[in-house]
C-alpha atoms as a PDB file:
ATOM      1  CA  MET A   1      19.649  -0.456  45.008  1.00  0.00           C
ATOM      2  CA  VAL A   2      16.598  -0.051  42.733  1.00  0.00           C
ATOM      3  CA  ASP A   3      16.094  -2.765  40.122  1.00  0.00           C
ATOM      4  CA  PRO A   4      16.351  -0.965  36.705  1.00  0.00           C
ATOM      5  CA  GLN A   5      13.720  -3.249  35.165  1.00  0.00           C
ATOM      6  CA  LEU A   6      11.296  -2.595  38.030  1.00  0.00           C
ATOM      7  CA  PHE A   7      11.926   1.159  37.759  1.00  0.00           C
ATOM      8  CA  ALA A   8      11.254   1.102  34.004  1.00  0.00           C
ATOM      9  CA  HIS A   9       8.095  -0.950  34.530  1.00  0.00           C
ATOM     10  CA  HIS A  10       6.677   1.514  37.069  1.00  0.00           C
ATOM     11  CA  HIS A  11       7.373   4.429  34.717  1.00  0.00           C
ATOM     12  CA  ALA A  12       5.913   2.857  31.564  1.00  0.00           C
ATOM     13  CA  HIS A  13       3.387   5.053  29.773  1.00  0.00           C
ATOM     14  CA  TRP A  14       0.529   2.640  30.523  1.00  0.00           C
ATOM     15  CA  TYR A  15       1.250   2.091  34.218  1.00  0.00           C
ATOM     16  CA  PRO A  16      -0.348   5.138  35.942  1.00  0.00           C
ATOM     17  CA  THR A  17      -4.128   4.702  35.973  1.00  0.00           C
ATOM     18  CA  ALA A  18      -4.496   8.467  36.492  1.00  0.00           C
ATOM     19  CA  ALA A  19      -3.419   8.973  32.865  1.00  0.00           C
ATOM     20  CA  TYR A  20      -6.633   7.219  31.775  1.00  0.00           C
ATOM     21  CA  LEU A  21      -9.133   9.138  33.903  1.00  0.00           C
ATOM     22  CA  TYR A  22     -10.276  11.174  30.899  1.00  0.00           C
ATOM     23  CA  ILE A  23     -11.854   7.950  29.600  1.00  0.00           C
ATOM     24  CA  LEU A  24     -14.574   8.331  32.262  1.00  0.00           C
ATOM     25  CA  GLY A  25     -16.174  11.239  30.382  1.00  0.00           C
ATOM     26  CA  LEU A  26     -16.140   9.860  26.832  1.00  0.00           C
ATOM     27  CA  ASP A  27     -19.183   8.957  24.768  1.00  0.00           C
ATOM     28  CA  ALA A  28     -19.413   5.963  22.426  1.00  0.00           C
ATOM     29  CA  LEU A  29     -17.906   7.729  19.383  1.00  0.00           C
ATOM     30  CA  ALA A  30     -14.953   8.980  21.406  1.00  0.00           C
ATOM     31  CA  LEU A  31     -14.380   5.493  22.809  1.00  0.00           C
ATOM     32  CA  ALA A  32     -14.478   4.077  19.280  1.00  0.00           C
ATOM     33  CA  TRP A  33     -11.650   6.444  18.353  1.00  0.00           C
ATOM     34  CA  GLU A  34      -9.605   5.385  21.400  1.00  0.00           C
ATOM     35  CA  TYR A  35      -9.680   1.766  20.252  1.00  0.00           C
ATOM     36  CA  LEU A  36      -9.156   2.505  16.563  1.00  0.00           C
ATOM     37  CA  ARG A  37      -6.138   4.765  17.072  1.00  0.00           C
ATOM     38  CA  ARG A  38      -4.298   1.908  18.774  1.00  0.00           C
ATOM     39  CA  HIS A  39      -4.605  -0.435  15.767  1.00  0.00           C
ATOM     40  CA  PRO A  40      -1.107  -1.022  14.304  1.00  0.00           C
ATOM     41  CA  ASP A  41      -2.456  -1.157  10.736  1.00  0.00           C
ATOM     42  CA  TYR A  42      -4.343   2.106  11.206  1.00  0.00           C
ATOM     43  CA  ARG A  43      -1.113   3.719  12.376  1.00  0.00           C
ATOM     44  CA  LEU A  44       0.629   2.423   9.256  1.00  0.00           C
ATOM     45  CA  ASP A  45      -2.108   3.898   7.070  1.00  0.00           C
ATOM     46  CA  TRP A  46      -1.586   7.250   8.803  1.00  0.00           C
ATOM     47  CA  LEU A  47       2.137   7.122   8.017  1.00  0.00           C
ATOM     48  CA  ARG A  48       1.448   6.166   4.402  1.00  0.00           C
ATOM     49  CA  ARG A  49      -0.897   9.140   4.079  1.00  0.00           C
ATOM     50  CA  HIS A  50       2.060  11.503   4.291  1.00  0.00           C
ATOM     51  CA  ARG A  51       3.898   9.571   1.587  1.00  0.00           C
ATOM     52  CA  ARG A  52       0.889   9.161  -0.739  1.00  0.00           C
ATOM     53  CA  PRO A  53      -1.697  11.855   0.111  1.00  0.00           C
ATOM     54  CA  ARG A  54      -3.991  10.931  -2.803  1.00  0.00           C
ATOM     55  CA  ALA A  55      -4.503   7.468  -1.313  1.00  0.00           C
ATOM     56  CA  ALA A  56      -5.821   8.868   1.985  1.00  0.00           C
ATOM     57  CA  PRO A  57      -9.639   8.791   1.409  1.00  0.00           C
ATOM     58  CA  PRO A  58      -9.908   5.074   0.450  1.00  0.00           C
ATOM     59  CA  ALA A  59      -7.656   4.191   3.380  1.00  0.00           C
ATOM     60  CA  ALA A  60      -9.842   6.231   5.723  1.00  0.00           C
ATOM     61  CA  HIS A  61     -13.092   4.718   4.455  1.00  0.00           C
ATOM     62  CA  ARG A  62     -12.086   1.180   5.314  1.00  0.00           C
ATOM     63  CA  TRP A  63     -11.747   2.290   8.958  1.00  0.00           C
ATOM     64  CA  GLY A  64     -15.132   4.031   8.939  1.00  0.00           C
ATOM     65  CA  LEU A  65     -13.708   7.557   8.652  1.00  0.00           C
ATOM     66  CA  ARG A  66     -14.005  10.235   5.982  1.00  0.00           C
ATOM     67  CA  LEU A  67     -10.414  11.328   6.585  1.00  0.00           C
ATOM     68  CA  LEU A  68      -7.553   9.778   8.527  1.00  0.00           C
ATOM     69  CA  GLU A  69      -6.904  11.358  11.922  1.00  0.00           C
ATOM     70  CA  ASP A  70      -3.585  11.469  13.753  1.00  0.00           C
ATOM     71  CA  PRO A  71      -3.480   8.396  16.079  1.00  0.00           C
ATOM     72  CA  ALA A  72      -1.146  10.249  18.423  1.00  0.00           C
ATOM     73  CA  LEU A  73      -4.111  12.422  19.491  1.00  0.00           C
ATOM     74  CA  ASP A  74      -6.423  11.028  22.152  1.00  0.00           C
ATOM     75  CA  ALA A  75     -10.155  11.726  22.229  1.00  0.00           C
ATOM     76  CA  ARG A  76      -9.657  15.048  24.037  1.00  0.00           C
ATOM     77  CA  ASP A  77      -7.769  16.555  21.077  1.00  0.00           C
ATOM     78  CA  ALA A  78      -8.623  14.392  18.061  1.00  0.00           C
ATOM     79  CA  GLN A  79     -11.305  15.382  15.549  1.00  0.00           C
ATOM     80  CA  PRO A  80     -12.150  12.112  13.758  1.00  0.00           C
ATOM     81  CA  THR A  81     -14.855  12.494  11.128  1.00  0.00           C
ATOM     82  CA  TRP A  82     -16.820   9.258  11.036  1.00  0.00           C
ATOM     83  CA  LEU A  83     -18.860   8.124   8.098  1.00  0.00           C
ATOM     84  CA  PRO A  84     -22.559   9.017   8.601  1.00  0.00           C
ATOM     85  CA  GLY A  85     -25.010   6.899  10.485  1.00  0.00           C
ATOM     86  CA  HIS A  86     -24.487   7.433  14.219  1.00  0.00           C
ATOM     87  CA  ALA A  87     -27.622   8.379  16.154  1.00  0.00           C
ATOM     88  CA  ALA A  88     -25.677  10.834  18.310  1.00  0.00           C
ATOM     89  CA  VAL A  89     -25.004  13.138  15.346  1.00  0.00           C
ATOM     90  CA  VAL A  90     -27.735  15.755  14.864  1.00  0.00           C
ATOM     91  CA  GLN A  91     -28.211  17.178  11.368  1.00  0.00           C
ATOM     92  CA  LEU A  92     -29.181  20.862  11.180  1.00  0.00           C
ATOM     93  CA  TYR A  93     -30.956  22.421   8.175  1.00  0.00           C
ATOM     94  CA  ALA A  94     -32.211  25.907   7.467  1.00  0.00           C
ATOM     95  CA  ASP A  95     -36.002  26.011   7.964  1.00  0.00           C
ATOM     96  CA  ALA A  96     -37.537  27.126   4.658  1.00  0.00           C
ATOM     97  CA  ASP A  97     -40.892  28.003   6.256  1.00  0.00           C
ATOM     98  CA  PRO A  98     -40.267  28.708   9.957  1.00  0.00           C
ATOM     99  CA  PRO A  99     -43.091  29.326  12.469  1.00  0.00           C
ATOM    100  CA  ALA A 100     -42.999  32.341  14.769  1.00  0.00           C
ATOM    101  CA  ASP A 101     -41.461  30.324  17.600  1.00  0.00           C
ATOM    102  CA  ALA A 102     -38.914  28.496  15.427  1.00  0.00           C
ATOM    103  CA  THR A 103     -35.666  27.288  16.971  1.00  0.00           C
ATOM    104  CA  VAL A 104     -32.776  29.515  15.904  1.00  0.00           C
ATOM    105  CA  PHE A 105     -29.231  28.320  15.336  1.00  0.00           C
ATOM    106  CA  ALA A 106     -27.107  30.369  17.740  1.00  0.00           C
ATOM    107  CA  PHE A 107     -23.514  29.192  17.533  1.00  0.00           C
ATOM    108  CA  TRP A 108     -22.304  30.821  20.750  1.00  0.00           C
ATOM    109  CA  ALA A 109     -25.320  29.561  22.706  1.00  0.00           C
ATOM    110  CA  VAL A 110     -24.368  25.922  22.093  1.00  0.00           C
ATOM    111  CA  PRO A 111     -22.855  24.832  25.418  1.00  0.00           C
ATOM    112  CA  GLY A 112     -19.257  23.651  25.748  1.00  0.00           C
ATOM    113  CA  HIS A 113     -15.933  24.032  23.974  1.00  0.00           C
ATOM    114  CA  LYS A 114     -16.752  24.240  20.267  1.00  0.00           C
ATOM    115  CA  GLN A 115     -14.811  22.942  17.259  1.00  0.00           C
ATOM    116  CA  LEU A 116     -15.783  23.458  13.619  1.00  0.00           C
ATOM    117  CA  ILE A 117     -14.434  20.830  11.223  1.00  0.00           C
ATOM    118  CA  HIS A 118     -14.692  20.452   7.467  1.00  0.00           C
ATOM    119  CA  ASP A 119     -14.409  16.750   6.665  1.00  0.00           C
ATOM    120  CA  GLY A 120     -14.094  17.161   2.906  1.00  0.00           C
ATOM    121  CA  LYS A 121     -17.832  16.872   2.377  1.00  0.00           C
ATOM    122  CA  GLY A 122     -19.480  19.226   4.849  1.00  0.00           C
ATOM    123  CA  LEU A 123     -19.138  21.278   8.012  1.00  0.00           C
ATOM    124  CA  ALA A 124     -19.408  19.599  11.411  1.00  0.00           C
ATOM    125  CA  LEU A 125     -19.670  21.153  14.868  1.00  0.00           C
ATOM    126  CA  ILE A 126     -18.482  19.371  18.020  1.00  0.00           C
ATOM    127  CA  ALA A 127     -19.201  20.917  21.420  1.00  0.00           C
ATOM    128  CA  ARG A 128     -17.591  19.303  24.469  1.00  0.00           C
ATOM    129  CA  SER A 129     -18.393  20.046  28.105  1.00  0.00           C
ATOM    130  CA  PRO A 130     -17.913  17.985  31.295  1.00  0.00           C
ATOM    131  CA  GLY A 131     -19.998  14.840  31.009  1.00  0.00           C
ATOM    132  CA  ARG A 132     -21.272  15.270  27.456  1.00  0.00           C
ATOM    133  CA  CYS A 133     -20.347  15.803  23.825  1.00  0.00           C
ATOM    134  CA  LEU A 134     -22.744  17.329  21.274  1.00  0.00           C
ATOM    135  CA  ARG A 135     -22.186  16.545  17.595  1.00  0.00           C
ATOM    136  CA  PHE A 136     -23.848  18.338  14.654  1.00  0.00           C
ATOM    137  CA  VAL A 137     -23.649  18.292  10.872  1.00  0.00           C
ATOM    138  CA  LEU A 138     -24.425  21.726   9.417  1.00  0.00           C
ATOM    139  CA  ALA A 139     -26.227  21.844   6.083  1.00  0.00           C
ATOM    140  CA  PRO A 140     -24.777  24.070   3.336  1.00  0.00           C
ATOM    141  CA  GLY A 141     -26.020  27.627   3.612  1.00  0.00           C
ATOM    142  CA  LEU A 142     -26.877  27.450   7.325  1.00  0.00           C
ATOM    143  CA  GLU A 143     -25.783  30.626   9.120  1.00  0.00           C
ATOM    144  CA  ASP A 144     -25.846  31.874  12.680  1.00  0.00           C
ATOM    145  CA  GLY A 145     -29.272  33.290  13.551  1.00  0.00           C
ATOM    146  CA  MET A 146     -31.214  31.260  10.985  1.00  0.00           C
ATOM    147  CA  ALA A 147     -34.262  29.225  11.955  1.00  0.00           C
ATOM    148  CA  VAL A 148     -33.397  25.540  11.858  1.00  0.00           C
ATOM    149  CA  VAL A 149     -34.949  22.123  11.704  1.00  0.00           C
ATOM    150  CA  TYR A 150     -33.007  19.176  13.013  1.00  0.00           C
ATOM    151  CA  ALA A 151     -32.955  15.449  12.440  1.00  0.00           C
ATOM    152  CA  ARG A 152     -31.289  12.454  14.006  1.00  0.00           C
ATOM    153  CA  ARG A 153     -31.053   8.954  12.570  1.00  0.00           C
ATOM    154  CA  GLY A 154     -33.468   6.526  14.168  1.00  0.00           C
ATOM    155  CA  GLY A 155     -36.395   8.932  14.087  1.00  0.00           C
ATOM    156  CA  ALA A 156     -35.835  10.518  17.497  1.00  0.00           C
ATOM    157  CA  THR A 157     -36.137  14.271  17.892  1.00  0.00           C
ATOM    158  CA  ALA A 158     -33.732  16.519  19.753  1.00  0.00           C
ATOM    159  CA  LYS A 159     -33.271  20.103  20.882  1.00  0.00           C
ATOM    160  CA  LEU A 160     -30.261  22.257  20.180  1.00  0.00           C
ATOM    161  CA  ALA A 161     -29.023  22.730  23.713  1.00  0.00           C
ATOM    162  CA  THR A 162     -29.993  21.142  27.013  1.00  0.00           C
ATOM    163  CA  ASP A 163     -32.324  18.481  25.617  1.00  0.00           C
ATOM    164  CA  LEU A 164     -29.416  16.968  23.682  1.00  0.00           C
ATOM    165  CA  ALA A 165     -27.740  15.844  26.887  1.00  0.00           C
ATOM    166  CA  PRO A 166     -29.376  12.367  26.997  1.00  0.00           C
ATOM    167  CA  MET A 167     -27.650  11.462  23.719  1.00  0.00           C
ATOM    168  CA  ALA A 168     -24.201  11.966  25.171  1.00  0.00           C
ATOM    169  CA  ARG A 169     -24.415  11.056  28.834  1.00  0.00           C
ATOM    170  CA  PRO A 170     -21.394   9.374  30.339  1.00  0.00           C
ATOM    171  CA  ARG A 171     -21.712   5.605  30.371  1.00  0.00           C
ATOM    172  CA  PRO A 172     -22.841   4.036  33.682  1.00  0.00           C
ATOM    173  CA  PRO A 173     -19.963   3.880  36.192  1.00  0.00           C
ATOM    174  CA  PRO A 174     -19.315   0.088  35.908  1.00  0.00           C
ATOM    175  CA  ALA A 175     -19.160   0.344  32.115  1.00  0.00           C
ATOM    176  CA  VAL A 176     -16.870   3.387  32.277  1.00  0.00           C
ATOM    177  CA  LEU A 177     -14.472   1.603  34.614  1.00  0.00           C
ATOM    178  CA  LEU A 178     -14.464  -1.399  32.289  1.00  0.00           C
ATOM    179  CA  GLU A 179     -13.437   0.815  29.342  1.00  0.00           C
ATOM    180  CA  LEU A 180     -10.691   2.453  31.406  1.00  0.00           C
ATOM    181  CA  HIS A 181      -9.266  -0.908  32.493  1.00  0.00           C
ATOM    182  CA  THR A 182      -9.633  -2.356  28.991  1.00  0.00           C
ATOM    183  CA  LEU A 183      -7.691   0.479  27.347  1.00  0.00           C
ATOM    184  CA  GLN A 184      -5.005   0.397  30.028  1.00  0.00           C
ATOM    185  CA  ALA A 185      -4.645  -3.389  29.690  1.00  0.00           C
ATOM    186  CA  LEU A 186      -4.549  -3.095  25.888  1.00  0.00           C
ATOM    187  CA  ASP A 187      -1.788  -0.484  26.015  1.00  0.00           C
ATOM    188  CA  ALA A 188       0.191  -2.659  28.414  1.00  0.00           C
ATOM    189  CA  ALA A 189      -0.184  -5.726  26.176  1.00  0.00           C
ATOM    190  CA  LEU A 190       0.829  -3.741  23.085  1.00  0.00           C
ATOM    191  CA  ALA A 191       3.904  -2.571  25.015  1.00  0.00           C
ATOM    192  CA  GLY A 192       4.855  -6.189  25.785  1.00  0.00           C
ATOM    193  CA  ALA A 193       3.937  -6.285  29.494  1.00  0.00           C
ATOM    194  CA  SER A 194       3.240  -9.651  31.105  1.00  0.00           C
ATOM    195  CA  MET A 195      -0.171 -10.537  32.530  1.00  0.00           C
ATOM    196  CA  HIS A 196       1.220 -10.193  36.057  1.00  0.00           C
ATOM    197  CA  GLN A 197       2.628  -6.747  35.299  1.00  0.00           C
ATOM    198  CA  ILE A 198      -0.720  -5.682  33.851  1.00  0.00           C
ATOM    199  CA  ALA A 199      -2.524  -6.897  36.993  1.00  0.00           C
ATOM    200  CA  GLU A 200      -0.125  -4.915  39.154  1.00  0.00           C
ATOM    201  CA  GLY A 201      -0.600  -1.750  37.112  1.00  0.00           C
ATOM    202  CA  LEU A 202      -4.412  -1.983  37.051  1.00  0.00           C
ATOM    203  CA  PHE A 203      -5.190  -3.326  40.503  1.00  0.00           C
ATOM    204  CA  GLY A 204      -2.115  -2.563  42.590  1.00  0.00           C
ATOM    205  CA  GLU A 205       0.818  -4.537  43.938  1.00  0.00           C
ATOM    206  CA  ASP A 206      -1.169  -5.904  46.881  1.00  0.00           C
ATOM    207  CA  ALA A 207      -3.836  -7.428  44.639  1.00  0.00           C
ATOM    208  CA  ALA A 208      -1.229  -8.856  42.285  1.00  0.00           C
ATOM    209  CA  SER A 209       0.853 -10.340  45.104  1.00  0.00           C
ATOM    210  CA  ASP A 210      -1.545 -13.289  45.328  1.00  0.00           C
ATOM    211  CA  TRP A 211      -0.942 -14.251  41.717  1.00  0.00           C
ATOM    212  CA  TYR A 212      -1.255 -17.878  40.685  1.00  0.00           C
ATOM    213  CA  ALA A 213      -1.794 -19.712  37.417  1.00  0.00           C
ATOM    214  CA  ASP A 214      -5.533 -20.357  37.638  1.00  0.00           C
ATOM    215  CA  GLY A 215      -6.496 -17.430  39.842  1.00  0.00           C
ATOM    216  CA  GLY A 216      -9.468 -15.180  39.262  1.00  0.00           C
ATOM    217  CA  LEU A 217      -7.289 -12.100  38.827  1.00  0.00           C
ATOM    218  CA  ARG A 218      -5.305 -13.753  36.052  1.00  0.00           C
ATOM    219  CA  SER A 219      -8.537 -14.653  34.232  1.00  0.00           C
ATOM    220  CA  LYS A 220      -9.844 -11.111  34.673  1.00  0.00           C
ATOM    221  CA  VAL A 221      -6.693  -9.567  33.199  1.00  0.00           C
ATOM    222  CA  ARG A 222      -6.736 -12.030  30.308  1.00  0.00           C
ATOM    223  CA  ARG A 223     -10.356 -11.121  29.532  1.00  0.00           C
ATOM    224  CA  LEU A 224      -9.535  -7.406  29.592  1.00  0.00           C
ATOM    225  CA  VAL A 225      -6.652  -7.873  27.140  1.00  0.00           C
ATOM    226  CA  HIS A 226      -8.738 -10.032  24.806  1.00  0.00           C
ATOM    227  CA  ARG A 227     -11.623  -7.548  24.958  1.00  0.00           C
ATOM    228  CA  GLY A 228      -9.315  -4.652  24.132  1.00  0.00           C
ATOM    229  CA  GLU A 229      -7.796  -6.482  21.170  1.00  0.00           C
ATOM    230  CA  ALA A 230     -11.257  -7.386  19.847  1.00  0.00           C
ATOM    231  CA  LEU A 231     -12.466  -3.783  20.087  1.00  0.00           C
ATOM    232  CA  MET A 232      -9.299  -2.481  18.467  1.00  0.00           C
ATOM    233  CA  ARG A 233      -9.519  -4.972  15.585  1.00  0.00           C
ATOM    234  CA  GLY A 234     -13.039  -4.145  14.477  1.00  0.00           C
ATOM    235  CA  GLY A 235     -15.239  -4.106  17.575  1.00  0.00           C
ATOM    236  CA  TYR A 236     -14.963  -0.328  17.738  1.00  0.00           C
ATOM    237  CA  ARG A 237     -17.293  -0.243  14.733  1.00  0.00           C
ATOM    238  CA  HIS A 238     -20.194  -1.275  16.973  1.00  0.00           C
ATOM    239  CA  LEU A 239     -19.513   1.723  19.234  1.00  0.00           C
ATOM    240  CA  ALA A 240     -19.497   3.985  16.160  1.00  0.00           C
ATOM    241  CA  GLN A 241     -22.672   2.316  14.784  1.00  0.00           C
ATOM    242  CA  LEU A 242     -20.831   1.286  11.631  1.00  0.00           C
ATOM    243  CA  PRO A 243     -21.556  -1.943   9.744  1.00  0.00           C
ATOM    244  CA  PRO A 244     -19.272  -4.817  10.779  1.00  0.00           C
ATOM    245  CA  LEU A 245     -16.261  -5.670   8.696  1.00  0.00           C
ATOM    246  CA  GLU A 246     -16.755  -8.255   5.993  1.00  0.00           C
ATOM    247  CA  LYS A 247     -14.924 -11.478   6.755  1.00  0.00           C
ATOM    248  CA  GLY A 248     -11.412 -11.245   5.375  1.00  0.00           C
ATOM    249  CA  ARG A 249     -11.951  -7.565   4.460  1.00  0.00           C
ATOM    250  CA  PHE A 250      -8.327  -6.723   5.042  1.00  0.00           C
ATOM    251  CA  GLU A 251      -5.364  -8.709   6.079  1.00  0.00           C
ATOM    252  CA  GLY A 252      -4.616  -6.822   9.277  1.00  0.00           C
ATOM    253  CA  ASP A 253      -7.666  -8.280  10.978  1.00  0.00           C
ATOM    254  CA  ALA A 254      -7.083 -11.868   9.972  1.00  0.00           C
ATOM    255  CA  ASN A 255      -6.240 -14.422  12.651  1.00  0.00           C
ATOM    256  CA  ARG A 256      -2.518 -14.731  13.068  1.00  0.00           C
ATOM    257  CA  PRO A 257      -0.709 -17.907  14.184  1.00  0.00           C
END
């Protein structure tokens, strides 16, 4: 007879690693969203938004967003609009005095699946394709076919299509695997799983069978959980190139007994 608790454990939402494979193709901004959307206080702010819509912008700003985004959506479907400052976001302006060989904004020539978003202040374009994500802010008055100039924070230049790829390359394989394991361990911890159960879900039953109090696997799982909690509770801001939270900025990030 199958143990009901064991059956439920193996069918928990965090248990199958395959459900996290999409993490392997995310850039830093998308990873920042994955950690933020798991924050319990952010989820409460999202619920309050529907009760008090006028309070939404201030609530969003404290998280580094222009508008609150639905935390039920993962990075494949979410459209979070971060406050400005990230070097990966290219700003496009109409060229007032274009040369003969000026770069032209051609919407349909931008590679990938395209999404246009109005964040309450301006129009943004996100184009996703396997292995990269291109992000643009479109200046008012810019239209398809116009000559454009482009700028990116930090002083680096960029091109509209293929030359933008270096800004959004997938993270190196070891770093990608670390993010996958961190998010899976964080979800398991938030769901109340034990350290041993997390080890079994991430590294398999065989690896977890040699579990003991001071073992290396136990330390590894503990570090993953602590890392995930730190990124969720403010560390995501580094990924999004946002200024760090001021000490004691809001109660949800205070140390709890």
